[in-house]
Amino acid sequence: MTDAALPAQTSRPVEGVLWMIACGLAFVCLTGIVRAIGTDLPAAQQAFLRFAFGVVLLAPTLGGIRRAGWRMWRR
């Protein structure tokens, strides 16, 4: 594979920091939502809510990653 075929990789530290802040805020919000629902919710349901929320947030990025990966292997 030649260098011309690879996309240019750029360093974007500000974008990384913003993603980390967004991740932290999402984690705090999800913990607050689970606690607001109450302690009467079984642990398995709480875990399911956390994972479902995570999938909803990751779905847009997973689509982009899959498309980028497909382009890379397709040539």
Protein backbone atom coordinates (compact mmCIF):
# COMPACT_ATOMS: atom_id res chain seq x y z
CA MET A 1 0.00 0.00 0.00
CA THR A 2 1.38 3.38 -0.93
CA ASP A 3 1.28 6.50 1.17
CA ALA A 4 -1.02 8.15 -1.38
CA ALA A 5 -3.70 5.54 -0.69
CA LEU A 6 -3.82 6.27 3.04
CA PRO A 7 -5.88 9.16 4.36
CA ALA A 8 -3.89 11.92 6.01
CA GLN A 9 -3.85 11.50 9.78
CA THR A 10 -4.00 14.76 11.67
CA SER A 11 -3.64 15.40 15.36
CA ARG A 12 -6.78 16.92 16.86
CA PRO A 13 -6.20 17.21 20.60
CA VAL A 14 -9.02 19.70 21.17
CA GLU A 15 -11.53 17.33 19.61
CA GLY A 16 -10.21 14.53 21.82
CA VAL A 17 -10.60 16.66 24.94
CA LEU A 18 -14.16 17.59 23.95
CA TRP A 19 -15.03 13.92 23.39
CA MET A 20 -13.64 13.09 26.84
CA ILE A 21 -15.70 15.85 28.46
CA ALA A 22 -18.82 14.69 26.62
CA CYS A 23 -18.17 11.12 27.73
CA GLY A 24 -17.80 12.19 31.35
CA LEU A 25 -21.00 14.23 31.23
CA ALA A 26 -22.90 11.36 29.64
CA PHE A 27 -21.67 9.01 32.35
CA VAL A 28 -22.74 11.41 35.10
CA CYS A 29 -26.16 11.94 33.49
CA LEU A 30 -26.74 8.23 33.10
CA THR A 31 -25.80 7.57 36.71
CA GLY A 32 -28.20 10.32 37.79
CA ILE A 33 -31.01 8.87 35.66
CA VAL A 34 -30.51 5.39 37.09
CA ARG A 35 -30.47 6.76 40.63
CA ALA A 36 -33.58 8.89 39.95
CA ILE A 37 -35.45 5.82 38.74
CA GLY A 38 -34.88 4.41 42.16
CA THR A 39 -33.26 1.60 44.00
CA ASP A 40 -36.24 -0.67 43.40
CA LEU A 41 -34.88 -1.38 39.92
CA PRO A 42 -32.94 -4.68 39.83
CA ALA A 43 -29.24 -4.53 39.04
CA ALA A 44 -29.73 -6.39 35.75
CA GLN A 45 -32.22 -3.77 34.54
CA GLN A 46 -29.90 -0.96 35.58
CA ALA A 47 -27.07 -2.56 33.59
CA PHE A 48 -29.38 -3.01 30.59
CA LEU A 49 -30.33 0.68 30.70
CA ARG A 50 -26.67 1.68 30.82
CA PHE A 51 -25.74 -0.56 27.89
CA ALA A 52 -28.78 0.52 25.84
CA PHE A 53 -27.91 4.17 26.43
CA GLY A 54 -24.32 3.48 25.37
CA VAL A 55 -25.41 1.79 22.15
CA VAL A 56 -27.66 4.73 21.29
CA LEU A 57 -24.76 7.14 21.76
CA LEU A 58 -22.27 4.97 19.87
CA ALA A 59 -24.50 4.12 16.89
CA PRO A 60 -23.59 7.22 14.82
CA THR A 61 -19.86 6.72 15.31
CA LEU A 62 -20.03 3.00 14.59
CA GLY A 63 -21.58 3.75 11.22
CA GLY A 64 -18.75 6.11 10.34
CA ILE A 65 -16.11 3.64 11.48
CA ARG A 66 -17.67 0.85 9.42
CA ARG A 67 -17.79 3.04 6.30
CA ALA A 68 -14.18 4.13 6.76
CA GLY A 69 -13.06 0.56 7.29
CA TRP A 70 -14.95 -0.60 4.23
CA ARG A 71 -13.24 2.03 2.08
CA MET A 72 -9.86 1.05 3.44
CA TRP A 73 -10.23 -2.66 2.62
CA ARG A 74 -12.12 -2.23 -0.64
CA ARG A 75 -9.37 -0.60 -2.80
